[in-house]
Structure formats: structure tokens, C-alpha cells
PDB file of N, CA and C in Angstrom:
ATOM      1  N   MET A   1      36.690 244.054  89.778  1.00  0.00           N
ATOM      2  CA  MET A   1      36.004 242.802  89.634  1.00  0.00           C
ATOM      3  C   MET A   1      35.382 242.379  90.954  1.00  0.00           C
ATOM      4  N   GLY A   2      35.990 242.278  92.030  1.00  0.00           N
ATOM      5  CA  GLY A   2      35.368 241.883  93.277  1.00  0.00           C
ATOM      6  C   GLY A   2      35.449 240.393  93.527  1.00  0.00           C
ATOM      7  N   GLU A   3      34.866 239.965  94.647  1.00  0.00           N
ATOM      8  CA  GLU A   3      34.899 238.551  95.022  1.00  0.00           C
ATOM      9  C   GLU A   3      33.876 237.752  94.232  1.00  0.00           C
ATOM     10  N   PRO A   4      34.156 236.442  94.039  1.00  0.00           N
ATOM     11  CA  PRO A   4      33.174 235.601  93.367  1.00  0.00           C
ATOM     12  C   PRO A   4      31.923 235.467  94.218  1.00  0.00           C
ATOM     13  N   LYS A   5      30.798 235.283  93.569  1.00  0.00           N
ATOM     14  CA  LYS A   5      29.532 235.165  94.285  1.00  0.00           C
ATOM     15  C   LYS A   5      28.981 233.753  94.140  1.00  0.00           C
ATOM     16  N   GLY A   6      28.115 233.370  95.032  1.00  0.00           N
ATOM     17  CA  GLY A   6      27.426 232.083  94.929  1.00  0.00           C
ATOM     18  C   GLY A   6      28.170 230.948  95.597  1.00  0.00           C
ATOM     19  N   ALA A   7      28.011 229.763  95.023  1.00  0.00           N
ATOM     20  CA  ALA A   7      28.516 228.538  95.638  1.00  0.00           C
ATOM     21  C   ALA A   7      30.029 228.506  95.763  1.00  0.00           C
ATOM     22  N   ALA A   8      30.754 229.105  94.823  1.00  0.00           N
ATOM     23  CA  ALA A   8      32.213 229.056  94.885  1.00  0.00           C
ATOM     24  C   ALA A   8      32.735 229.769  96.123  1.00  0.00           C
ATOM     25  N   ARG A   9      32.116 230.845  96.511  1.00  0.00           N
ATOM     26  CA  ARG A   9      32.566 231.571  97.690  1.00  0.00           C
ATOM     27  C   ARG A   9      32.130 230.866  98.972  1.00  0.00           C
ATOM     28  N   GLN A  10      30.953 230.300  98.963  1.00  0.00           N
ATOM     29  CA  GLN A  10      30.404 229.672 100.164  1.00  0.00           C
ATOM     30  C   GLN A  10      30.841 228.228 100.329  1.00  0.00           C
ATOM     31  N   GLY A  11      31.338 227.615  99.292  1.00  0.00           N
ATOM     32  CA  GLY A  11      31.701 226.212  99.349  1.00  0.00           C
ATOM     33  C   GLY A  11      30.572 225.358  98.810  1.00  0.00           C
ATOM     34  N   VAL A  12      30.920 224.224  98.291  1.00  0.00           N
ATOM     35  CA  VAL A  12      29.939 223.332  97.692  1.00  0.00           C
ATOM     36  C   VAL A  12      29.874 222.059  98.513  1.00  0.00           C
ATOM     37  N   ARG A  13      28.670 221.613  98.809  1.00  0.00           N
ATOM     38  CA  ARG A  13      28.519 220.346  99.531  1.00  0.00           C
ATOM     39  C   ARG A  13      28.984 219.208  98.656  1.00  0.00           C
ATOM     40  N   THR A  14      29.673 218.286  99.251  1.00  0.00           N
ATOM     41  CA  THR A  14      30.160 217.142  98.489  1.00  0.00           C
ATOM     42  C   THR A  14      29.192 215.983  98.619  1.00  0.00           C
ATOM     43  N   ALA A  15      29.433 214.958  97.813  1.00  0.00           N
ATOM     44  CA  ALA A  15      28.582 213.767  97.826  1.00  0.00           C
ATOM     45  C   ALA A  15      28.973 212.810  98.937  1.00  0.00           C
ATOM     46  N   CYS A  16      29.850 213.206  99.828  1.00  0.00           N
ATOM     47  CA  CYS A  16      30.319 212.320 100.889  1.00  0.00           C
ATOM     48  C   CYS A  16      29.410 212.332 102.104  1.00  0.00           C
ATOM     49  N   GLY A  17      28.270 212.972 102.006  1.00  0.00           N
ATOM     50  CA  GLY A  17      27.354 213.043 103.133  1.00  0.00           C
ATOM     51  C   GLY A  17      26.704 211.700 103.409  1.00  0.00           C
ATOM     52  N   SER A  18      25.648 211.715 104.165  1.00  0.00           N
ATOM     53  CA  SER A  18      24.977 210.474 104.518  1.00  0.00           C
ATOM     54  C   SER A  18      24.265 209.888 103.313  1.00  0.00           C
ATOM     55  N   ASP A  19      24.085 208.592 103.328  1.00  0.00           N
ATOM     56  CA  ASP A  19      23.417 207.874 102.252  1.00  0.00           C
ATOM     57  C   ASP A  19      21.927 208.195 102.281  1.00  0.00           C
ATOM     58  N   PRO A  20      21.371 208.746 101.195  1.00  0.00           N
ATOM     59  CA  PRO A  20      19.949 209.101 101.207  1.00  0.00           C
ATOM     60  C   PRO A  20      19.041 207.883 101.256  1.00  0.00           C
ATOM     61  N   HIS A  21      19.580 206.695 100.955  1.00  0.00           N
ATOM     62  CA  HIS A  21      18.778 205.474 100.958  1.00  0.00           C
ATOM     63  C   HIS A  21      18.841 204.734 102.292  1.00  0.00           C
ATOM     64  N   GLY A  22      19.617 205.211 103.214  1.00  0.00           N
ATOM     65  CA  GLY A  22      19.745 204.555 104.510  1.00  0.00           C
ATOM     66  C   GLY A  22      20.736 203.405 104.477  1.00  0.00           C
ATOM     67  N   ASP A  23      21.035 202.866 105.623  1.00  0.00           N
ATOM     68  CA  ASP A  23      21.967 201.751 105.722  1.00  0.00           C
ATOM     69  C   ASP A  23      21.393 200.757 106.716  1.00  0.00           C
ATOM     70  N   ASP A  24      20.986 199.610 106.201  1.00  0.00           N
ATOM     71  CA  ASP A  24      20.393 198.611 107.084  1.00  0.00           C
ATOM     72  C   ASP A  24      21.414 197.593 107.575  1.00  0.00           C
ATOM     73  N   GLY A  25      22.710 197.819 107.271  1.00  0.00           N
ATOM     74  CA  GLY A  25      23.758 196.948 107.785  1.00  0.00           C
ATOM     75  C   GLY A  25      24.076 195.751 106.913  1.00  0.00           C
ATOM     76  N   ARG A  26      23.297 195.509 105.871  1.00  0.00           N
ATOM     77  CA  ARG A  26      23.563 194.361 105.009  1.00  0.00           C
ATOM     78  C   ARG A  26      24.698 194.668 104.061  1.00  0.00           C
ATOM     79  N   ARG A  27      25.524 193.676 103.788  1.00  0.00           N
ATOM     80  CA  ARG A  27      26.630 193.796 102.852  1.00  0.00           C
ATOM     81  C   ARG A  27      26.658 192.559 101.967  1.00  0.00           C
ATOM     82  N   PRO A  28      27.006 192.715 100.688  1.00  0.00           N
ATOM     83  CA  PRO A  28      27.115 191.526  99.830  1.00  0.00           C
ATOM     84  C   PRO A  28      28.288 190.666 100.266  1.00  0.00           C
ATOM     85  N   ILE A  29      28.085 189.364 100.300  1.00  0.00           N
ATOM     86  CA  ILE A  29      29.169 188.458 100.667  1.00  0.00           C
ATOM     87  C   ILE A  29      29.430 187.418  99.591  1.00  0.00           C
ATOM     88  N   ALA A  30      28.557 187.311  98.584  1.00  0.00           N
ATOM     89  CA  ALA A  30      28.746 186.329  97.521  1.00  0.00           C
ATOM     90  C   ALA A  30      28.392 186.962  96.182  1.00  0.00           C
ATOM     91  N   TRP A  31      29.164 186.596  95.156  1.00  0.00           N
ATOM     92  CA  TRP A  31      28.951 187.120  93.830  1.00  0.00           C
ATOM     93  C   TRP A  31      28.927 185.984  92.826  1.00  0.00           C
ATOM     94  N   LEU A  32      28.084 186.127  91.814  1.00  0.00           N
ATOM     95  CA  LEU A  32      28.028 185.195  90.694  1.00  0.00           C
ATOM     96  C   LEU A  32      28.175 186.025  89.428  1.00  0.00           C
ATOM     97  N   ARG A  33      29.236 185.785  88.681  1.00  0.00           N
ATOM     98  CA  ARG A  33      29.488 186.540  87.450  1.00  0.00           C
ATOM     99  C   ARG A  33      29.369 185.586  86.275  1.00  0.00           C
ATOM    100  N   ILE A  34      28.482 185.904  85.337  1.00  0.00           N
ATOM    101  CA  ILE A  34      28.253 185.080  84.163  1.00  0.00           C
ATOM    102  C   ILE A  34      28.557 185.915  82.927  1.00  0.00           C
ATOM    103  N   VAL A  35      29.373 185.366  82.035  1.00  0.00           N
ATOM    104  CA  VAL A  35      29.692 186.014  80.773  1.00  0.00           C
ATOM    105  C   VAL A  35      29.267 185.057  79.667  1.00  0.00           C
ATOM    106  N   ALA A  36      28.329 185.511  78.843  1.00  0.00           N
ATOM    107  CA  ALA A  36      27.810 184.660  77.775  1.00  0.00           C
ATOM    108  C   ALA A  36      27.645 185.486  76.501  1.00  0.00           C
ATOM    109  N   PRO A  37      28.748 185.824  75.838  1.00  0.00           N
ATOM    110  CA  PRO A  37      28.638 186.582  74.589  1.00  0.00           C
ATOM    111  C   PRO A  37      27.950 185.741  73.512  1.00  0.00           C
ATOM    112  N   ARG A  38      27.214 186.408  72.657  1.00  0.00           N
ATOM    113  CA  ARG A  38      26.502 185.708  71.588  1.00  0.00           C
ATOM    114  C   ARG A  38      27.505 184.981  70.695  1.00  0.00           C
ATOM    115  N   GLY A  39      27.280 183.699  70.498  1.00  0.00           N
ATOM    116  CA  GLY A  39      28.131 182.909  69.624  1.00  0.00           C
ATOM    117  C   GLY A  39      29.437 182.436  70.255  1.00  0.00           C
ATOM    118  N   ALA A  40      29.634 182.672  71.550  1.00  0.00           N
ATOM    119  CA  ALA A  40      30.872 182.251  72.216  1.00  0.00           C
ATOM    120  C   ALA A  40      30.543 181.305  73.370  1.00  0.00           C
ATOM    121  N   VAL A  41      31.555 180.690  73.922  1.00  0.00           N
ATOM    122  CA  VAL A  41      31.385 179.762  75.036  1.00  0.00           C
ATOM    123  C   VAL A  41      31.133 180.557  76.326  1.00  0.00           C
ATOM    124  N   PRO A  42      30.048 180.269  77.055  1.00  0.00           N
ATOM    125  CA  PRO A  42      29.785 180.993  78.302  1.00  0.00           C
ATOM    126  C   PRO A  42      30.744 180.574  79.412  1.00  0.00           C
ATOM    127  N   THR A  43      31.023 181.522  80.315  1.00  0.00           N
ATOM    128  CA  THR A  43      31.841 181.249  81.491  1.00  0.00           C
ATOM    129  C   THR A  43      31.145 181.850  82.706  1.00  0.00           C
ATOM    130  N   ALA A  44      31.473 181.326  83.876  1.00  0.00           N
ATOM    131  CA  ALA A  44      30.895 181.849  85.112  1.00  0.00           C
ATOM    132  C   ALA A  44      31.885 181.686  86.249  1.00  0.00           C
ATOM    133  N   THR A  45      31.797 182.601  87.205  1.00  0.00           N
ATOM    134  CA  THR A  45      32.608 182.544  88.413  1.00  0.00           C
ATOM    135  C   THR A  45      31.702 182.773  89.607  1.00  0.00           C
ATOM    136  N   SER A  46      31.821 181.914  90.609  1.00  0.00           N
ATOM    137  CA  SER A  46      31.065 182.046  91.848  1.00  0.00           C
ATOM    138  C   SER A  46      32.077 182.258  92.968  1.00  0.00           C
ATOM    139  N   TRP A  47      31.923 183.375  93.685  1.00  0.00           N
ATOM    140  CA  TRP A  47      32.862 183.714  94.745  1.00  0.00           C
ATOM    141  C   TRP A  47      32.088 184.091  95.995  1.00  0.00           C
ATOM    142  N   CYS A  48      32.590 183.668  97.155  1.00  0.00           N
ATOM    143  CA  CYS A  48      31.968 184.005  98.430  1.00  0.00           C
ATOM    144  C   CYS A  48      33.064 184.430  99.406  1.00  0.00           C
ATOM    145  N   ALA A  49      32.731 185.352 100.287  1.00  0.00           N
ATOM    146  CA  ALA A  49      33.687 185.844 101.274  1.00  0.00           C
ATOM    147  C   ALA A  49      34.130 184.758 102.255  1.00  0.00           C
ATOM    148  N   CYS A  50      33.414 183.644 102.324  1.00  0.00           N
ATOM    149  CA  CYS A  50      33.791 182.548 103.212  1.00  0.00           C
ATOM    150  C   CYS A  50      34.996 181.766 102.694  1.00  0.00           C
ATOM    151  N   GLY A  51      35.407 182.060 101.444  1.00  0.00           N
ATOM    152  CA  GLY A  51      36.558 181.380 100.871  1.00  0.00           C
ATOM    153  C   GLY A  51      36.218 180.528  99.670  1.00  0.00           C
ATOM    154  N   ARG A  52      34.981 180.372  99.378  1.00  0.00           N
ATOM    155  CA  ARG A  52      34.537 179.572  98.234  1.00  0.00           C
ATOM    156  C   ARG A  52      34.824 180.343  96.955  1.00  0.00           C
ATOM    157  N   ASP A  53      35.473 179.684  95.979  1.00  0.00           N
ATOM    158  CA  ASP A  53      35.825 180.311  94.712  1.00  0.00           C
ATOM    159  C   ASP A  53      35.784 179.240  93.630  1.00  0.00           C
ATOM    160  N   ARG A  54      34.769 179.291  92.771  1.00  0.00           N
ATOM    161  CA  ARG A  54      34.606 178.268  91.736  1.00  0.00           C
ATOM    162  C   ARG A  54      34.341 178.928  90.396  1.00  0.00           C
ATOM    163  N   SER A  55      34.697 178.218  89.325  1.00  0.00           N
ATOM    164  CA  SER A  55      34.440 178.738  87.991  1.00  0.00           C
ATOM    165  C   SER A  55      34.007 177.599  87.081  1.00  0.00           C
ATOM    166  N   ALA A  56      33.373 177.973  85.963  1.00  0.00           N
ATOM    167  CA  ALA A  56      32.887 176.986  85.018  1.00  0.00           C
ATOM    168  C   ALA A  56      32.983 177.537  83.605  1.00  0.00           C
ATOM    169  N   VAL A  57      33.206 176.634  82.654  1.00  0.00           N
ATOM    170  CA  VAL A  57      33.273 176.987  81.244  1.00  0.00           C
ATOM    171  C   VAL A  57      32.362 176.028  80.490  1.00  0.00           C
ATOM    172  N   GLY A  58      31.525 176.564  79.617  1.00  0.00           N
ATOM    173  CA  GLY A  58      30.597 175.743  78.851  1.00  0.00           C
ATOM    174  C   GLY A  58      29.184 175.822  79.417  1.00  0.00           C
ATOM    175  N   ARG A  59      28.211 175.686  78.543  1.00  0.00           N
ATOM    176  CA  ARG A  59      26.816 175.886  78.937  1.00  0.00           C
ATOM    177  C   ARG A  59      26.374 174.987  80.079  1.00  0.00           C
ATOM    178  N   ALA A  60      26.617 173.690  79.970  1.00  0.00           N
ATOM    179  CA  ALA A  60      26.163 172.742  80.997  1.00  0.00           C
ATOM    180  C   ALA A  60      26.834 173.022  82.346  1.00  0.00           C
ATOM    181  N   ARG A  61      28.120 173.292  82.324  1.00  0.00           N
ATOM    182  CA  ARG A  61      28.839 173.546  83.575  1.00  0.00           C
ATOM    183  C   ARG A  61      28.452 174.883  84.193  1.00  0.00           C
ATOM    184  N   VAL A  62      28.185 175.888  83.356  1.00  0.00           N
ATOM    185  CA  VAL A  62      27.740 177.186  83.878  1.00  0.00           C
ATOM    186  C   VAL A  62      26.374 177.033  84.546  1.00  0.00           C
ATOM    187  N   LEU A  63      25.461 176.304  83.908  1.00  0.00           N
ATOM    188  CA  LEU A  63      24.146 176.072  84.515  1.00  0.00           C
ATOM    189  C   LEU A  63      24.266 175.329  85.849  1.00  0.00           C
ATOM    190  N   ALA A  64      25.180 174.355  85.919  1.00  0.00           N
ATOM    191  CA  ALA A  64      25.397 173.626  87.174  1.00  0.00           C
ATOM    192  C   ALA A  64      25.984 174.554  88.247  1.00  0.00           C
ATOM    193  N   LEU A  65      26.872 175.457  87.849  1.00  0.00           N
ATOM    194  CA  LEU A  65      27.463 176.385  88.818  1.00  0.00           C
ATOM    195  C   LEU A  65      26.416 177.366  89.346  1.00  0.00           C
ATOM    196  N   ILE A  66      25.492 177.769  88.501  1.00  0.00           N
ATOM    197  CA  ILE A  66      24.412 178.647  88.953  1.00  0.00           C
ATOM    198  C   ILE A  66      23.597 177.954  90.036  1.00  0.00           C
ATOM    199  N   ASP A  67      23.250 176.693  89.820  1.00  0.00           N
ATOM    200  CA  ASP A  67      22.511 175.927  90.840  1.00  0.00           C
ATOM    201  C   ASP A  67      23.339 175.755  92.104  1.00  0.00           C
ATOM    202  N   ASP A  68      24.633 175.475  91.939  1.00  0.00           N
ATOM    203  CA  ASP A  68      25.521 175.294  93.087  1.00  0.00           C
ATOM    204  C   ASP A  68      25.661 176.590  93.884  1.00  0.00           C
ATOM    205  N   HIS A  69      25.733 177.717  93.197  1.00  0.00           N
ATOM    206  CA  HIS A  69      25.826 179.017  93.868  1.00  0.00           C
ATOM    207  C   HIS A  69      24.570 179.283  94.700  1.00  0.00           C
ATOM    208  N   ALA A  70      23.415 178.974  94.129  1.00  0.00           N
ATOM    209  CA  ALA A  70      22.156 179.169  94.859  1.00  0.00           C
ATOM    210  C   ALA A  70      22.082 178.243  96.083  1.00  0.00           C
ATOM    211  N   ALA A  71      22.550 177.004  95.934  1.00  0.00           N
ATOM    212  CA  ALA A  71      22.524 176.055  97.051  1.00  0.00           C
ATOM    213  C   ALA A  71      23.500 176.475  98.153  1.00  0.00           C
ATOM    214  N   HIS A  72      24.594 177.120  97.782  1.00  0.00           N
ATOM    215  CA  HIS A  72      25.592 177.553  98.771  1.00  0.00           C
ATOM    216  C   HIS A  72      24.998 178.560  99.755  1.00  0.00           C
ATOM    217  N   ARG A  73      24.004 179.312  99.338  1.00  0.00           N
ATOM    218  CA  ARG A  73      23.379 180.294 100.225  1.00  0.00           C
ATOM    219  C   ARG A  73      22.822 179.634 101.484  1.00  0.00           C
ATOM    220  N   ASP A  74      22.343 178.404 101.369  1.00  0.00           N
ATOM    221  CA  ASP A  74      21.755 177.712 102.520  1.00  0.00           C
ATOM    222  C   ASP A  74      22.797 177.167 103.488  1.00  0.00           C
ATOM    223  N   VAL A  75      24.017 176.950 103.025  1.00  0.00           N
ATOM    224  CA  VAL A  75      25.029 176.323 103.874  1.00  0.00           C
ATOM    225  C   VAL A  75      26.192 177.246 104.243  1.00  0.00           C
ATOM    226  N   CYS A  76      26.258 178.432 103.676  1.00  0.00           N
ATOM    227  CA  CYS A  76      27.372 179.342 103.943  1.00  0.00           C
ATOM    228  C   CYS A  76      27.357 179.789 105.405  1.00  0.00           C
ATOM    229  N   SER A  77      28.492 179.634 106.063  1.00  0.00           N
ATOM    230  CA  SER A  77      28.584 180.003 107.478  1.00  0.00           C
ATOM    231  C   SER A  77      28.458 181.512 107.682  1.00  0.00           C
ATOM    232  N   LEU A  78      28.924 182.313 106.743  1.00  0.00           N
ATOM    233  CA  LEU A  78      28.812 183.765 106.882  1.00  0.00           C
ATOM    234  C   LEU A  78      27.364 184.233 106.760  1.00  0.00           C
ATOM    235  N   ARG A  79      26.652 183.692 105.828  1.00  0.00           N
ATOM    236  CA  ARG A  79      25.256 184.086 105.622  1.00  0.00           C
ATOM    237  C   ARG A  79      24.377 183.613 106.766  1.00  0.00           C
ATOM    238  N   ASN A  80      24.575 182.409 107.214  1.00  0.00           N
ATOM    239  CA  ASN A  80      23.742 181.873 108.306  1.00  0.00           C
ATOM    240  C   ASN A  80      24.009 182.579 109.616  1.00  0.00           C
ATOM    241  N   SER A  81      25.264 182.981 109.890  1.00  0.00           N
ATOM    242  CA  SER A  81      25.545 183.680 111.148  1.00  0.00           C
ATOM    243  C   SER A  81      24.956 185.074 111.120  1.00  0.00           C
ATOM    244  N   GLN A  82      24.893 185.724 109.953  1.00  0.00           N
ATOM    245  CA  GLN A  82      24.295 187.047 109.851  1.00  0.00           C
ATOM    246  C   GLN A  82      22.798 186.996 110.076  1.00  0.00           C
ATOM    247  N   GLU A  83      22.144 185.977 109.538  1.00  0.00           N
ATOM    248  CA  GLU A  83      20.698 185.859 109.716  1.00  0.00           C
ATOM    249  C   GLU A  83      20.363 185.612 111.173  1.00  0.00           C
ATOM    250  N   GLY A  84      21.147 184.770 111.831  1.00  0.00           N
ATOM    251  CA  GLY A  84      20.887 184.506 113.241  1.00  0.00           C
ATOM    252  C   GLY A  84      21.076 185.723 114.103  1.00  0.00           C
ATOM    253  N   ARG A  85      22.078 186.526 113.773  1.00  0.00           N
ATOM    254  CA  ARG A  85      22.338 187.741 114.532  1.00  0.00           C
ATOM    255  C   ARG A  85      21.213 188.754 114.322  1.00  0.00           C
ATOM    256  N   ALA A  86      20.668 188.847 113.117  1.00  0.00           N
ATOM    257  CA  ALA A  86      19.599 189.808 112.840  1.00  0.00           C
ATOM    258  C   ALA A  86      18.318 189.400 113.554  1.00  0.00           C
ATOM    259  N   ALA A  87      18.092 188.109 113.709  1.00  0.00           N
ATOM    260  CA  ALA A  87      16.871 187.637 114.348  1.00  0.00           C
ATOM    261  C   ALA A  87      16.920 187.795 115.868  1.00  0.00           C
ATOM    262  N   ALA A  88      18.119 187.868 116.430  1.00  0.00           N
ATOM    263  CA  ALA A  88      18.255 187.945 117.889  1.00  0.00           C
ATOM    264  C   ALA A  88      17.807 189.266 118.456  1.00  0.00           C
TER     265      ALA A  88
END
């Protein structure tokens, strides 16, 4: 029979190499998760690495949390310090 030929003998490159899309240093620090199944009560969770953690149940409260999450971007200390560092 002999030795195996091809990639098995030579080894296979793994996917652990460098990122083909590059890395610009940005990382997500805030998440907004909305669950709105058809015919059910919607829920939402807004979380930020700065320690902010809020949730809402019901259409009106979920819509208010979406607005609050967007407004938090302007006042979050983690986001503002990153922007200042990138501009320097």
C-alpha cells in the first residue's frame, strides 16, 4: 500500500490563520436583542460593557428601549473614550 499522498501526509492548514478581512481594532461593546414572535408579546434586552443592563416587555416599552439604547451611544463612557483615542 505505501504512504498516504496529498494533504494528509503534508498536513492541512487550519482556519486559525490571520483574518482575511483585517482587524481595525474595533470591538462590539453594546448589544440590543429584540424578540418579537408573531402573535406574542415582544421583549428586548439592551446590554453594554459599561455595566448598563436593561430589559423591556410589551410593544410600547420595547420601542422605548430601542430609543434609549440608541441614545446611550452618545453618553457611554466606553464608546466616547474609544472615539477620542482613535482620533488622537
